[in-house]
Amino acid sequence: MSVDKSNDKVRSMFAEIAGNYDRMNHLLSMNIDKYWRWRTTKLVQPSGSRPILDMCTGTGDLALAYWKSTDGKIPIVAADFCREMLDIGEDKKHALGINGQVEFVEADAQDLPFPNDEFQIVTVAFGLRNVNDTDQGLREMHRVCADGGKVAVLEFSQPQMQPLKAIYGWYFRNILPLLGRLLARNAANAYDYLPQSVGEFPCGQALADRMTSAGLRDVWFRPLTFGVATLYVGTK
């Protein structure tokens, strides 16, 4: 049976775990998720003064990574449809002393409230697989991206090298959900949802083809940390 990715289901699940979201991500990835976001800012660098959009931003980690990498010189919009996650992102923003350079906006990835051709870079980190209609999410990313701009998708993937593939698969299916339930104590079983959603989501060439179908060109992808995550980049 397919994992339930309806808007209400996903929104309520992330609202419930919002307070533990960052701590759990860093713990369960052994802080490697910070490296993946930093690497994204290095591989997909801005050029010019147009703003950057981070879609499905959660608590804003990738948006804030771009703020740091650009020394706060480029406007950044961090969008998500879960208010509880955005509130934590706002707290992190104020703790860093950021004023107007980063704006958190409540928005649905399938119907973004931004004009066409607005952003020089449109990113999503570990959030596209939670969008009910993946292709519509990609079409919206393409729509709001400026001509010549970049669309970047950072997402979990499945390592292909043995024995890492087998070891990681066992950890992801068994240990990660157990740790999530013990530490986050959420009734929505978000950390059961995580391996299910990753297992069903297209990766590698399959996702690159979906990006091409959404209108992007010259799509390439790069596995990170032996394929535990993958960065996909296309040009409008």
Protein backbone atom coordinates (compact mmCIF):
# COMPACT_ATOMS: atom_id res chain seq x y z
CA MET A 1 0.00 0.00 0.00
CA SER A 2 1.35 3.44 -0.94
CA VAL A 3 2.34 5.85 1.81
CA ASP A 4 -0.29 8.52 2.53
CA LYS A 5 1.11 11.88 1.37
CA SER A 6 -2.12 13.86 1.47
CA ASN A 7 -1.62 17.48 2.50
CA ASP A 8 -3.48 17.17 5.80
CA LYS A 9 -1.62 13.99 6.77
CA VAL A 10 1.85 15.39 6.04
CA ARG A 11 1.13 18.79 7.56
CA SER A 12 -0.18 17.35 10.84
CA MET A 13 2.69 14.86 11.06
CA PHE A 14 5.38 17.54 10.73
CA ALA A 15 3.50 19.89 13.05
CA GLU A 16 3.65 17.17 15.70
CA ILE A 17 7.39 16.54 15.42
CA ALA A 18 8.44 20.16 14.74
CA GLY A 19 10.00 20.66 18.18
CA ASN A 20 12.27 17.63 17.74
CA TYR A 21 12.82 17.85 13.99
CA ASP A 22 16.28 19.43 13.91
CA ARG A 23 17.65 17.40 16.81
CA MET A 24 16.44 14.15 15.29
CA ASN A 25 17.77 14.97 11.80
CA HIS A 26 21.25 15.78 13.09
CA LEU A 27 21.33 12.78 15.42
CA LEU A 28 20.04 10.19 12.98
CA SER A 29 22.31 11.40 10.16
CA MET A 30 25.27 11.85 12.53
CA ASN A 31 25.31 15.53 11.44
CA ILE A 32 26.05 14.60 7.82
CA ASP A 33 22.90 16.44 6.75
CA LYS A 34 24.72 19.71 7.53
CA TYR A 35 27.47 18.74 5.08
CA TRP A 36 24.93 17.87 2.39
CA ARG A 37 23.34 21.31 2.63
CA TRP A 38 26.73 23.05 2.65
CA ARG A 39 27.74 21.02 -0.42
CA THR A 40 24.57 22.09 -2.18
CA THR A 41 25.43 25.77 -1.67
CA LYS A 42 28.86 25.11 -3.20
CA LEU A 43 27.64 23.13 -6.21
CA VAL A 44 24.69 25.43 -6.94
CA GLN A 45 26.05 28.92 -6.42
CA PRO A 46 24.10 32.13 -7.06
CA SER A 47 25.08 34.65 -9.70
CA GLY A 48 23.51 38.07 -9.76
CA SER A 49 21.12 39.67 -7.32
CA ARG A 50 17.85 37.82 -7.90
CA PRO A 51 16.41 36.12 -4.79
CA ILE A 52 16.66 32.43 -3.91
CA LEU A 53 13.68 30.24 -2.97
CA ASP A 54 13.93 27.22 -0.67
CA MET A 55 10.70 25.25 -1.04
CA CYS A 56 9.49 22.80 1.64
CA THR A 57 12.04 24.54 3.83
CA GLY A 58 10.93 22.98 7.13
CA THR A 59 12.85 24.83 9.81
CA GLY A 60 14.93 26.64 7.19
CA ASP A 61 18.31 24.89 7.33
CA LEU A 62 19.07 25.10 3.60
CA ALA A 63 17.74 28.66 3.36
CA LEU A 64 20.00 29.67 6.25
CA ALA A 65 22.94 27.82 4.67
CA TYR A 66 22.47 29.97 1.57
CA TRP A 67 22.27 33.08 3.74
CA LYS A 68 25.63 32.18 5.27
CA SER A 69 27.22 31.29 1.93
CA THR A 70 26.18 34.62 0.39
CA ASP A 71 27.03 36.72 3.47
CA GLY A 72 23.43 37.87 3.60
CA LYS A 73 23.77 39.78 0.32
CA ILE A 74 20.99 38.00 -1.59
CA PRO A 75 17.31 37.89 -0.51
CA ILE A 76 16.16 34.40 0.43
CA VAL A 77 12.58 33.15 0.70
CA ALA A 78 11.94 30.03 2.80
CA ALA A 79 8.52 28.49 2.06
CA ASP A 80 6.65 25.65 3.76
CA PHE A 81 3.01 24.74 4.43
CA CYS A 82 3.59 23.75 8.07
CA ARG A 83 3.33 26.82 10.32
CA GLU A 84 4.89 25.03 13.30
CA MET A 85 8.07 24.31 11.32
CA LEU A 86 8.24 27.88 10.04
CA ASP A 87 7.93 29.25 13.58
CA ILE A 88 11.08 27.34 14.56
CA GLY A 89 12.81 28.67 11.45
CA GLU A 90 11.88 32.20 12.51
CA ASP A 91 13.42 31.58 15.95
CA LYS A 92 16.65 30.38 14.31
CA LYS A 93 16.67 33.41 12.04
CA HIS A 94 16.37 35.82 14.97
CA ALA A 95 19.01 33.92 16.94
CA LEU A 96 21.43 34.54 14.04
CA GLY A 97 20.58 38.25 14.06
CA ILE A 98 19.08 38.15 10.57
CA ASN A 99 16.75 41.01 9.75
CA GLY A 100 15.19 41.29 6.31
CA GLN A 101 17.44 39.04 4.23
CA VAL A 102 15.50 35.80 4.94
CA GLU A 103 11.69 35.71 4.72
CA PHE A 104 9.66 32.72 5.92
CA VAL A 105 6.42 32.25 3.98
CA GLU A 106 3.58 29.77 4.52
CA ALA A 107 2.94 28.22 1.11
CA ASP A 108 1.95 24.96 -0.58
CA ALA A 109 4.66 23.58 -2.88
CA GLN A 110 1.98 22.54 -5.38
CA ASP A 111 0.64 26.11 -5.72
CA LEU A 112 3.41 28.58 -4.91
CA PRO A 113 2.27 32.18 -4.36
CA PHE A 114 5.10 33.69 -6.42
CA PRO A 115 5.20 35.13 -9.95
CA ASN A 116 6.80 33.40 -12.90
CA ASP A 117 10.56 33.73 -13.41
CA GLU A 118 11.17 35.21 -9.94
CA PHE A 119 14.15 33.32 -8.47
CA GLN A 120 17.68 32.64 -9.70
CA ILE A 121 17.82 29.39 -7.68
CA VAL A 122 14.92 27.23 -6.47
CA THR A 123 15.85 24.48 -4.02
CA VAL A 124 14.19 21.76 -1.99
CA ALA A 125 15.99 19.60 0.57
CA PHE A 126 14.44 16.35 1.80
CA GLY A 127 10.98 17.71 1.08
CA LEU A 128 10.01 16.89 -2.50
CA ARG A 129 9.16 13.29 -1.58
CA ASN A 130 6.58 14.67 0.88
CA VAL A 131 4.74 16.63 -1.83
CA ASN A 132 1.56 14.79 -2.77
CA ASP A 133 2.06 15.40 -6.49
CA THR A 134 5.79 15.25 -7.22
CA ASP A 135 5.43 16.36 -10.84
CA GLN A 136 3.30 19.35 -9.89
CA GLY A 137 5.90 20.35 -7.30
CA LEU A 138 8.61 20.19 -9.97
CA ARG A 139 6.49 22.18 -12.41
CA GLU A 140 6.00 24.89 -9.79
CA MET A 141 9.75 25.00 -9.10
CA HIS A 142 10.34 25.38 -12.85
CA ARG A 143 7.66 28.08 -13.17
CA VAL A 144 9.03 30.39 -10.48
CA CYS A 145 12.65 29.92 -11.56
CA ALA A 146 14.12 32.61 -13.84
CA ASP A 147 15.32 31.73 -17.33
CA GLY A 148 18.87 30.43 -17.01
CA GLY A 149 18.36 29.78 -13.30
CA LYS A 150 18.87 26.53 -11.43
CA VAL A 151 16.48 24.10 -9.78
CA ALA A 152 18.15 21.90 -7.16
CA VAL A 153 16.67 18.88 -5.38
CA LEU A 154 18.54 17.36 -2.43
CA GLU A 155 16.96 14.07 -1.40
CA PHE A 156 17.61 10.78 0.32
CA SER A 157 18.47 7.90 -2.00
CA GLN A 158 19.46 4.25 -1.85
CA PRO A 159 23.19 3.34 -1.83
CA GLN A 160 24.02 0.90 -4.60
CA MET A 161 27.35 -0.51 -3.37
CA GLN A 162 27.32 -3.70 -1.32
CA PRO A 163 27.59 -4.33 1.58
CA LEU A 164 26.62 -0.70 2.30
CA LYS A 165 23.32 -1.10 0.44
CA ALA A 166 22.22 -4.00 2.64
CA ILE A 167 23.50 -2.47 5.90
CA TYR A 168 21.95 0.92 5.21
CA GLY A 169 18.67 -0.60 4.12
CA TRP A 170 18.45 -2.59 7.36
CA TYR A 171 19.28 0.48 9.46
CA PHE A 172 16.78 2.64 7.59
CA ARG A 173 13.94 0.13 7.89
CA ASN A 174 14.54 -1.02 11.46
CA ILE A 175 16.80 1.15 13.61
CA LEU A 176 15.85 4.64 12.38
CA PRO A 177 12.08 4.27 13.01
CA LEU A 178 12.77 2.77 16.44
CA LEU A 179 15.07 5.63 17.44
CA GLY A 180 12.59 8.14 16.09
CA ARG A 181 9.72 6.74 18.12
CA LEU A 182 11.82 6.53 21.29
CA LEU A 183 13.29 10.02 21.07
CA ALA A 184 10.56 12.00 19.36
CA ARG A 185 7.66 10.11 20.98
CA ASN A 186 5.26 11.14 18.25
CA ALA A 187 1.99 9.31 17.74
CA ALA A 188 2.00 10.02 14.02
CA ASN A 189 4.91 7.60 13.50
CA ALA A 190 6.81 10.06 11.33
CA TYR A 191 9.93 7.92 11.42
CA ASP A 192 8.00 4.95 10.08
CA TYR A 193 6.84 7.25 7.30
CA LEU A 194 10.44 8.29 6.48
CA PRO A 195 11.76 4.93 5.14
CA GLN A 196 8.43 4.25 3.43
CA SER A 197 8.49 7.58 1.61
CA VAL A 198 12.15 7.20 0.61
CA GLY A 199 11.55 3.65 -0.61
CA GLU A 200 8.70 4.76 -2.88
CA PHE A 201 10.34 7.93 -4.20
CA PRO A 202 12.15 7.85 -7.57
CA CYS A 203 15.91 8.32 -7.40
CA GLY A 204 18.82 8.55 -9.81
CA GLN A 205 17.90 8.76 -13.48
CA ALA A 206 14.22 8.24 -12.70
CA LEU A 207 14.01 11.54 -10.80
CA ALA A 208 16.25 13.29 -13.33
CA ASP A 209 13.77 12.25 -16.04
CA ARG A 210 10.88 13.69 -14.01
CA MET A 211 12.77 17.00 -13.77
CA THR A 212 13.29 16.99 -17.54
CA SER A 213 9.58 16.31 -18.06
CA ALA A 214 8.82 19.33 -15.85
CA GLY A 215 10.65 21.53 -18.37
CA LEU A 216 14.20 21.60 -17.05
CA ARG A 217 17.23 20.98 -19.26
CA ASP A 218 20.78 19.70 -18.77
CA VAL A 219 19.71 17.79 -15.65
CA TRP A 220 22.54 16.11 -13.75
CA PHE A 221 22.79 14.39 -10.40
CA ARG A 222 25.55 13.61 -7.93
CA PRO A 223 25.39 10.97 -5.17
CA LEU A 224 26.63 12.19 -1.78
CA THR A 225 28.11 10.07 1.04
CA PHE A 226 28.11 6.83 -1.00
CA GLY A 227 24.61 7.47 -2.31
CA VAL A 228 22.82 7.99 1.01
CA ALA A 229 21.65 11.32 -0.46
CA THR A 230 21.69 12.67 -4.01
CA LEU A 231 21.75 16.21 -5.38
CA TYR A 232 19.86 16.79 -8.64
CA VAL A 233 20.30 20.03 -10.63
CA GLY A 234 18.54 21.29 -13.72
CA THR A 235 18.52 24.58 -15.67
CA LYS A 236 15.49 26.54 -16.85
